[in-house]
Amino acid sequence: MRADLILLCFAYVLSQFFRAFLAVLTQILKNDIGTTPEDLAFASGIWFLVFAAMQIPVGAALDRFGPRRTSSILLLIGGAGGAAVFAFATGPLHIFIAMGLIGIGCSPVLMASYFIFARSYPPARFATLAALMLGVGSVGNIVAAYPMAWAAETVGWRASLLALTALSGATALGLWFVVQDPPALPTAEKGSVLDLLKIPALWFIFPIMLVTYMPAAGIRGLWIGPYFSDTFGLSTSGIGAATLVMGVAMILGTLVYGPADRVLGSRKWVVLPGNIAGALALFALTFWINDSRLLSISLMAAIGFFGGSFPVIIAHARSFFPAHLTGRGVTLLNLFGIGGVGIMQFGSGRLHGIIAPQNPILAYQILFGLLGGVLLIGALVYLFSEDRTD
């Protein structure tokens, strides 16, 4: 793989880390600065919604300025700046501001890679390359689990965030000097997101994109921590181990999904059964909510594994994009995928705050059951989509 893609992959490791590390800091932040699970749900929601809102300007910037300037500048300002704010946080408000800044910094990284894949490689390889980038980059999910829990308990969470500040800044500078922009298209055609919204086929893909990543990202990024703490009394290290298992499952799922469209000759019939299986795992977790710690970890691993269809859905939608709107197209799909998680985190925080004081177990049952329900609805709409491969 090219040097610039390797560095973009490392930047995506940071992105995956920042969207998931709050789960293992639940107890530490509560003790140090008084944050509640509802505060962290709100902070996580800010990250996802800011990230999603940035997809429209990021898409335009990719098409106009290219991935080098877009990814490096935003990661330096948002990623490094947000991590620094987090390191010196003294209350929930500072966490909210920090997560918003980090969302800005992480917003272009994966899409810069996808833009390069779409413009520089054969279309039939897009899903495989996209899944490989997502799978390898999801190592950040693993680092945000047990290693982050160990670092927080060993050197402290503030020192850990300062190290991440320096690492984010160095990565941004590396992107500026290493990333190679694809050659400009020999066309004067212009367009906007509105042109993409006029493509009927995409409207059967948007709903599944909205919900496919929602359960895995929401649970792994936040709720796995409070759930295991409230239900089974796990410590920070125990939660880190559980999140590690789910993080590995998410990576494996992504890598399995990636080449499946070429093996089976279909994208629709790769995505559809996978998401239905994910919904069934959520319903099983709802039913056996507190029966067994091992069973719960296994079901969360299944949710993570089957929630890895993200790159195949983008590849499916990309087959309908005009070439000159590639940047706007992939970021529009990413807006749906990440925005859905942000909406869910805001809603889930409110839900938990209302129900958990009276019945914490019921709060998690309702949350997981609702996630299973919306995933099934998205799959039902997707059933009517037009299958297309390159």
Protein backbone atom coordinates (compact mmCIF):
# COMPACT_ATOMS: atom_id res chain seq x y z
CA MET A 1 0.00 0.00 0.00
CA ARG A 2 1.19 3.56 -0.74
CA ALA A 3 2.89 5.53 2.03
CA ASP A 4 0.17 8.19 2.06
CA LEU A 5 -2.56 5.58 2.42
CA ILE A 6 -0.67 3.97 5.31
CA LEU A 7 -0.51 7.34 7.07
CA LEU A 8 -4.20 8.00 6.37
CA CYS A 9 -4.90 4.56 7.83
CA PHE A 10 -3.02 5.54 10.98
CA ALA A 11 -5.00 8.79 11.13
CA TYR A 12 -8.14 6.67 10.92
CA VAL A 13 -6.84 4.62 13.87
CA LEU A 14 -6.92 7.88 15.82
CA SER A 15 -10.45 8.60 14.57
CA GLN A 16 -11.67 5.20 15.70
CA PHE A 17 -9.97 5.67 19.04
CA PHE A 18 -11.57 9.05 19.71
CA ARG A 19 -15.08 7.81 18.94
CA ALA A 20 -14.75 4.87 21.35
CA PHE A 21 -12.47 5.78 24.26
CA LEU A 22 -15.16 7.36 26.47
CA ALA A 23 -16.56 3.93 27.35
CA VAL A 24 -13.53 2.92 29.41
CA LEU A 25 -13.28 6.30 31.16
CA THR A 26 -16.82 6.14 32.58
CA GLN A 27 -15.83 5.58 36.21
CA ILE A 28 -12.60 7.62 36.14
CA LEU A 29 -14.23 10.76 34.72
CA LYS A 30 -17.15 10.37 37.14
CA ASN A 31 -14.76 10.30 40.08
CA ASP A 32 -12.45 13.07 38.83
CA ILE A 33 -14.71 15.69 37.26
CA GLY A 34 -18.23 14.48 38.04
CA THR A 35 -19.46 13.36 34.62
CA THR A 36 -22.48 11.04 34.44
CA PRO A 37 -23.30 8.42 31.77
CA GLU A 38 -25.81 10.94 30.37
CA ASP A 39 -23.02 13.55 30.07
CA LEU A 40 -20.81 11.10 28.21
CA ALA A 41 -23.70 10.09 25.93
CA PHE A 42 -24.18 13.77 25.12
CA ALA A 43 -20.44 14.21 24.51
CA SER A 44 -20.37 11.14 22.28
CA GLY A 45 -23.43 12.44 20.42
CA ILE A 46 -21.66 15.78 19.87
CA TRP A 47 -18.68 13.97 18.33
CA PHE A 48 -20.87 12.03 15.92
CA LEU A 49 -23.18 14.91 14.96
CA VAL A 50 -20.33 17.39 14.45
CA PHE A 51 -18.51 14.73 12.44
CA ALA A 52 -21.66 14.15 10.37
CA ALA A 53 -22.33 17.87 9.82
CA MET A 54 -18.77 18.28 8.56
CA GLN A 55 -19.31 15.74 5.80
CA ILE A 56 -20.96 18.27 3.45
CA PRO A 57 -18.09 20.80 3.57
CA VAL A 58 -15.54 17.98 3.62
CA GLY A 59 -17.05 16.49 0.45
CA ALA A 60 -16.88 19.85 -1.32
CA ALA A 61 -13.30 20.34 -0.10
CA LEU A 62 -12.23 16.91 -1.35
CA ASP A 63 -13.63 17.63 -4.81
CA ARG A 64 -12.13 21.13 -4.92
CA PHE A 65 -8.88 21.03 -2.89
CA GLY A 66 -8.09 17.32 -2.67
CA PRO A 67 -7.47 15.00 0.30
CA ARG A 68 -4.02 16.33 1.29
CA ARG A 69 -5.02 19.79 2.45
CA THR A 70 -8.47 18.75 3.64
CA SER A 71 -7.30 15.96 5.94
CA SER A 72 -4.14 17.57 7.32
CA ILE A 73 -5.55 20.99 8.22
CA LEU A 74 -8.69 19.70 9.91
CA LEU A 75 -6.85 17.01 11.87
CA LEU A 76 -4.32 19.54 13.14
CA ILE A 77 -6.89 22.12 14.24
CA GLY A 78 -9.63 19.80 15.48
CA GLY A 79 -7.90 16.58 16.46
CA ALA A 80 -4.85 17.95 18.25
CA GLY A 81 -6.74 20.98 19.57
CA GLY A 82 -9.65 18.94 20.89
CA ALA A 83 -7.40 16.40 22.59
CA ALA A 84 -5.59 19.27 24.35
CA VAL A 85 -8.89 20.72 25.60
CA PHE A 86 -9.90 17.27 26.88
CA ALA A 87 -6.60 16.85 28.72
CA PHE A 88 -7.27 19.99 30.78
CA ALA A 89 -11.01 19.45 31.28
CA THR A 90 -12.43 20.23 34.72
CA GLY A 91 -16.11 19.58 34.02
CA PRO A 92 -18.61 18.15 31.52
CA LEU A 93 -18.71 21.36 29.45
CA HIS A 94 -15.03 21.04 28.60
CA ILE A 95 -15.61 17.43 27.53
CA PHE A 96 -18.43 18.57 25.23
CA ILE A 97 -16.22 21.23 23.60
CA ALA A 98 -13.31 18.82 23.25
CA MET A 99 -15.40 16.11 21.61
CA GLY A 100 -16.88 18.63 19.16
CA LEU A 101 -13.40 19.77 18.12
CA ILE A 102 -12.17 16.19 17.81
CA GLY A 103 -15.20 15.41 15.62
CA ILE A 104 -14.11 18.19 13.25
CA GLY A 105 -10.56 16.87 13.19
CA CYS A 106 -11.55 13.28 12.46
CA SER A 107 -14.24 14.11 9.88
CA PRO A 108 -12.15 14.00 6.67
CA VAL A 109 -9.77 11.10 7.38
CA LEU A 110 -11.65 8.02 6.16
CA MET A 111 -13.36 9.89 3.34
CA ALA A 112 -10.00 11.17 2.09
CA SER A 113 -8.95 7.54 1.73
CA TYR A 114 -12.21 6.57 0.02
CA PHE A 115 -11.83 9.52 -2.34
CA ILE A 116 -8.40 8.24 -3.38
CA PHE A 117 -9.74 4.69 -3.81
CA ALA A 118 -12.66 5.88 -5.95
CA ARG A 119 -10.49 8.08 -8.18
CA SER A 120 -7.29 6.02 -8.42
CA TYR A 121 -8.34 2.34 -8.38
CA PRO A 122 -10.74 0.14 -10.43
CA PRO A 123 -14.37 0.42 -9.23
CA ALA A 124 -14.65 -3.33 -8.57
CA ARG A 125 -11.94 -3.06 -5.90
CA PHE A 126 -13.58 -0.21 -3.99
CA ALA A 127 -15.46 -2.31 -1.41
CA THR A 128 -12.41 -4.47 -0.67
CA LEU A 129 -10.06 -1.50 -0.28
CA ALA A 130 -12.63 0.45 1.74
CA ALA A 131 -13.17 -2.51 4.09
CA LEU A 132 -9.43 -3.05 4.45
CA MET A 133 -8.94 0.60 5.43
CA LEU A 134 -11.87 0.42 7.84
CA GLY A 135 -10.76 -2.89 9.32
CA VAL A 136 -7.11 -2.00 9.83
CA GLY A 137 -8.02 1.48 11.04
CA SER A 138 -10.36 -0.05 13.57
CA VAL A 139 -7.32 -1.07 15.56
CA GLY A 140 -8.13 2.25 17.23
CA ASN A 141 -11.20 0.53 18.62
CA ILE A 142 -8.92 -1.98 20.31
CA VAL A 143 -6.47 0.62 21.60
CA ALA A 144 -9.44 2.51 23.05
CA ALA A 145 -10.34 -0.57 25.08
CA TYR A 146 -7.96 -2.34 27.44
CA PRO A 147 -4.79 -0.34 26.56
CA MET A 148 -6.57 2.97 27.24
CA ALA A 149 -7.96 1.60 30.49
CA TRP A 150 -4.43 0.52 31.48
CA ALA A 151 -2.93 3.90 30.52
CA ALA A 152 -5.62 5.81 32.41
CA GLU A 153 -5.00 3.77 35.55
CA THR A 154 -1.19 3.84 35.18
CA VAL A 155 -0.18 7.34 34.03
CA GLY A 156 -3.56 9.05 34.31
CA TRP A 157 -6.12 10.06 31.73
CA ARG A 158 -4.77 13.62 31.44
CA ALA A 159 -1.26 12.48 30.55
CA SER A 160 -2.74 9.99 28.08
CA LEU A 161 -4.70 12.78 26.35
CA LEU A 162 -1.61 15.02 26.18
CA ALA A 163 0.25 12.21 24.43
CA LEU A 164 -2.66 11.90 21.99
CA THR A 165 -2.48 15.66 21.38
CA ALA A 166 1.14 15.36 20.26
CA LEU A 167 0.43 12.25 18.21
CA SER A 168 -2.51 13.89 16.41
CA GLY A 169 -0.44 16.98 15.60
CA ALA A 170 2.45 14.93 14.24
CA THR A 171 0.08 12.83 12.11
CA ALA A 172 -1.53 15.96 10.64
CA LEU A 173 1.86 17.35 9.64
CA GLY A 174 2.74 14.02 8.08
CA LEU A 175 -0.45 14.07 5.99
CA TRP A 176 0.44 17.53 4.67
CA PHE A 177 3.80 16.32 3.37
CA VAL A 178 2.97 12.75 2.29
CA VAL A 179 -0.58 12.50 0.87
CA GLN A 180 -0.80 12.46 -2.93
CA ASP A 181 -3.89 14.07 -4.45
CA PRO A 182 -5.41 12.14 -7.39
CA PRO A 183 -5.07 13.83 -10.81
CA ALA A 184 -7.77 16.40 -11.56
CA LEU A 185 -10.66 15.19 -13.70
CA PRO A 186 -10.62 16.38 -17.32
CA THR A 187 -14.11 17.84 -17.06
CA ALA A 188 -15.70 21.20 -16.40
CA GLU A 189 -18.85 19.61 -14.94
CA LYS A 190 -19.99 21.04 -11.65
CA GLY A 191 -22.59 19.86 -9.23
CA SER A 192 -23.71 19.65 -5.63
CA VAL A 193 -25.22 17.33 -3.07
CA LEU A 194 -28.63 18.27 -4.48
CA ASP A 195 -27.73 16.45 -7.70
CA LEU A 196 -27.06 13.31 -5.70
CA LEU A 197 -30.35 13.62 -3.84
CA LYS A 198 -32.14 13.53 -7.20
CA ILE A 199 -30.94 9.95 -7.84
CA PRO A 200 -33.92 7.70 -6.87
CA ALA A 201 -31.83 4.58 -6.24
CA LEU A 202 -29.98 6.24 -3.37
CA TRP A 203 -33.15 6.77 -1.34
CA PHE A 204 -33.44 3.02 -0.76
CA ILE A 205 -29.83 2.97 0.49
CA PHE A 206 -29.88 6.01 2.79
CA PRO A 207 -32.06 4.35 5.50
CA ILE A 208 -29.82 1.29 5.92
CA MET A 209 -26.80 3.59 5.98
CA LEU A 210 -28.47 5.62 8.71
CA VAL A 211 -28.94 2.63 11.02
CA THR A 212 -26.30 0.03 10.11
CA TYR A 213 -23.48 1.51 12.20
CA MET A 214 -25.73 2.83 14.95
CA PRO A 215 -25.84 -0.23 17.28
CA ALA A 216 -22.18 -1.24 17.05
CA ALA A 217 -20.79 2.29 17.33
CA GLY A 218 -23.22 3.37 20.04
CA ILE A 219 -22.69 0.32 22.22
CA ARG A 220 -18.93 0.02 21.67
CA GLY A 221 -18.36 3.76 21.88
CA LEU A 222 -20.25 4.29 25.12
CA TRP A 223 -22.98 2.01 26.45
CA ILE A 224 -20.91 -1.12 26.87
CA GLY A 225 -19.19 0.60 29.81
CA PRO A 226 -22.22 1.67 31.86
CA TYR A 227 -24.07 -1.54 30.95
CA PHE A 228 -21.41 -3.89 32.32
CA SER A 229 -20.81 -1.64 35.30
CA ASP A 230 -24.49 -1.44 36.27
CA THR A 231 -25.47 -5.01 35.37
CA PHE A 232 -22.43 -7.09 36.33
CA GLY A 233 -20.36 -4.67 38.44
CA LEU A 234 -17.28 -4.79 36.19
CA SER A 235 -14.29 -2.55 36.97
CA THR A 236 -12.53 -0.31 34.43
CA SER A 237 -10.17 -3.16 33.51
CA GLY A 238 -13.07 -5.59 33.11
CA ILE A 239 -14.93 -3.16 30.87
CA GLY A 240 -11.73 -2.69 28.87
CA ALA A 241 -11.52 -6.46 28.30
CA ALA A 242 -15.18 -6.61 27.16
CA THR A 243 -14.73 -3.70 24.76
CA LEU A 244 -11.59 -5.36 23.41
CA VAL A 245 -13.59 -8.45 22.43
CA MET A 246 -16.24 -6.35 20.71
CA GLY A 247 -13.59 -4.23 18.97
CA VAL A 248 -11.86 -7.30 17.54
CA ALA A 249 -15.23 -8.65 16.33
CA MET A 250 -15.94 -5.35 14.55
CA ILE A 251 -12.61 -5.56 12.73
CA LEU A 252 -13.19 -9.17 11.68
CA GLY A 253 -16.69 -8.38 10.46
CA THR A 254 -15.46 -5.51 8.31
CA LEU A 255 -12.72 -7.65 6.74
CA VAL A 256 -15.21 -10.45 5.98
CA TYR A 257 -17.75 -8.07 4.43
CA GLY A 258 -15.14 -6.34 2.23
CA PRO A 259 -14.49 -8.92 -0.52
CA ALA A 260 -17.88 -10.62 -0.16
CA ASP A 261 -19.49 -8.55 -2.93
CA ARG A 262 -16.97 -9.84 -5.46
CA VAL A 263 -17.21 -13.42 -4.17
CA LEU A 264 -21.02 -13.51 -4.23
CA GLY A 265 -21.57 -11.16 -7.16
CA SER A 266 -23.95 -8.98 -5.14
CA ARG A 267 -23.82 -6.12 -2.70
CA LYS A 268 -27.46 -6.05 -1.68
CA TRP A 269 -27.49 -9.71 -0.64
CA VAL A 270 -24.33 -9.25 1.40
CA VAL A 271 -25.64 -6.25 3.31
CA LEU A 272 -29.23 -7.37 3.90
CA PRO A 273 -28.74 -10.72 5.72
CA GLY A 274 -25.85 -9.29 7.74
CA ASN A 275 -27.96 -6.48 9.14
CA ILE A 276 -30.86 -8.81 9.89
CA ALA A 277 -28.46 -11.03 11.84
CA GLY A 278 -27.29 -7.96 13.77
CA ALA A 279 -30.89 -7.10 14.66
CA LEU A 280 -31.49 -10.64 15.92
CA ALA A 281 -28.40 -10.38 18.15
CA LEU A 282 -29.77 -7.13 19.60
CA PHE A 283 -33.13 -8.75 20.35
CA ALA A 284 -31.34 -11.68 22.02
CA LEU A 285 -29.35 -9.25 24.19
CA THR A 286 -32.61 -7.51 25.11
CA PHE A 287 -34.21 -10.79 26.18
CA TRP A 288 -31.18 -12.19 28.08
CA ILE A 289 -30.10 -8.80 29.42
CA ASN A 290 -28.58 -9.98 32.70
CA ASP A 291 -28.42 -13.77 32.43
CA SER A 292 -24.69 -14.16 31.86
CA ARG A 293 -21.71 -11.86 31.45
CA LEU A 294 -20.17 -14.26 28.90
CA LEU A 295 -23.41 -14.40 26.90
CA SER A 296 -23.67 -10.60 26.86
CA ILE A 297 -20.09 -10.22 25.66
CA SER A 298 -20.71 -12.84 22.95
CA LEU A 299 -23.87 -11.11 21.73
CA MET A 300 -22.12 -7.71 21.68
CA ALA A 301 -19.34 -9.30 19.64
CA ALA A 302 -22.00 -10.56 17.19
CA ILE A 303 -23.51 -7.07 17.01
CA GLY A 304 -20.06 -5.67 16.23
CA PHE A 305 -19.30 -8.36 13.64
CA PHE A 306 -22.55 -8.02 11.70
CA GLY A 307 -22.43 -4.22 11.97
CA GLY A 308 -19.43 -4.09 9.61
CA SER A 309 -21.34 -3.65 6.32
CA PHE A 310 -20.55 0.10 6.22
CA PRO A 311 -18.00 -0.05 3.33
CA VAL A 312 -20.14 -2.37 1.19
CA ILE A 313 -23.11 0.00 1.50
CA ILE A 314 -20.90 2.92 0.43
CA ALA A 315 -19.63 0.82 -2.51
CA HIS A 316 -23.24 0.04 -3.46
CA ALA A 317 -24.20 3.71 -3.40
CA ARG A 318 -20.95 4.79 -5.12
CA SER A 319 -21.93 2.77 -8.20
CA PHE A 320 -24.69 5.38 -8.78
CA PHE A 321 -22.47 8.49 -8.33
CA PRO A 322 -21.26 10.60 -11.29
CA ALA A 323 -17.43 10.73 -11.26
CA HIS A 324 -17.21 14.49 -10.64
CA LEU A 325 -19.30 14.14 -7.46
CA THR A 326 -17.28 11.33 -5.89
CA GLY A 327 -16.14 13.38 -2.90
CA ARG A 328 -19.59 14.73 -2.17
CA GLY A 329 -21.10 11.28 -2.68
CA VAL A 330 -18.97 9.31 -0.25
CA THR A 331 -19.22 12.03 2.38
CA LEU A 332 -23.01 12.23 1.96
CA LEU A 333 -23.22 8.51 2.74
CA ASN A 334 -20.88 9.01 5.66
CA LEU A 335 -23.12 11.81 6.92
CA PHE A 336 -25.99 9.33 7.17
CA GLY A 337 -23.84 6.64 8.78
CA ILE A 338 -22.22 8.84 11.41
CA GLY A 339 -25.22 11.14 11.88
CA GLY A 340 -27.39 8.19 12.80
CA VAL A 341 -25.03 7.31 15.63
CA GLY A 342 -25.05 10.90 16.88
CA ILE A 343 -28.85 11.05 16.94
CA MET A 344 -28.97 7.72 18.76
CA GLN A 345 -26.44 8.85 21.39
CA PHE A 346 -28.44 11.98 22.20
CA GLY A 347 -31.68 10.01 22.40
CA SER A 348 -30.18 7.13 24.35
CA GLY A 349 -28.73 9.50 26.95
CA ARG A 350 -32.13 11.04 27.58
CA LEU A 351 -33.76 7.61 27.69
CA HIS A 352 -31.22 6.32 30.18
CA GLY A 353 -31.57 9.42 32.36
CA ILE A 354 -35.34 8.99 32.60
CA ILE A 355 -35.59 5.24 33.15
CA ALA A 356 -32.32 4.16 34.81
CA PRO A 357 -32.91 5.81 38.21
CA GLN A 358 -35.99 3.61 38.71
CA ASN A 359 -34.90 0.50 36.78
CA PRO A 360 -31.42 0.44 35.17
CA ILE A 361 -31.90 -3.03 33.67
CA LEU A 362 -35.11 -1.96 31.93
CA ALA A 363 -33.32 1.09 30.52
CA TYR A 364 -30.79 -1.14 28.74
CA GLN A 365 -33.50 -3.53 27.55
CA ILE A 366 -35.44 -0.68 25.94
CA LEU A 367 -32.25 0.75 24.40
CA PHE A 368 -31.09 -2.52 22.82
CA GLY A 369 -34.62 -3.43 21.72
CA LEU A 370 -35.09 -0.08 19.98
CA LEU A 371 -31.75 -0.46 18.21
CA GLY A 372 -32.81 -3.87 16.93
CA GLY A 373 -36.13 -2.44 15.74
CA VAL A 374 -34.67 0.47 13.76
CA LEU A 375 -32.09 -1.86 12.19
CA LEU A 376 -34.89 -4.13 10.95
CA ILE A 377 -36.81 -1.14 9.53
CA GLY A 378 -33.71 0.00 7.64
CA ALA A 379 -33.24 -3.51 6.25
CA LEU A 380 -36.88 -3.61 5.13
CA VAL A 381 -36.48 -0.41 3.09
CA TYR A 382 -33.17 -1.65 1.67
CA LEU A 383 -34.93 -4.80 0.48
CA PHE A 384 -36.42 -2.72 -2.36
CA SER A 385 -33.08 -1.28 -3.49
CA GLU A 386 -31.55 -1.92 -6.91
CA ASP A 387 -28.56 -4.26 -6.67
CA ARG A 388 -25.50 -3.11 -8.60
CA THR A 389 -21.87 -4.21 -8.74
CA ASP A 390 -18.93 -2.91 -10.77
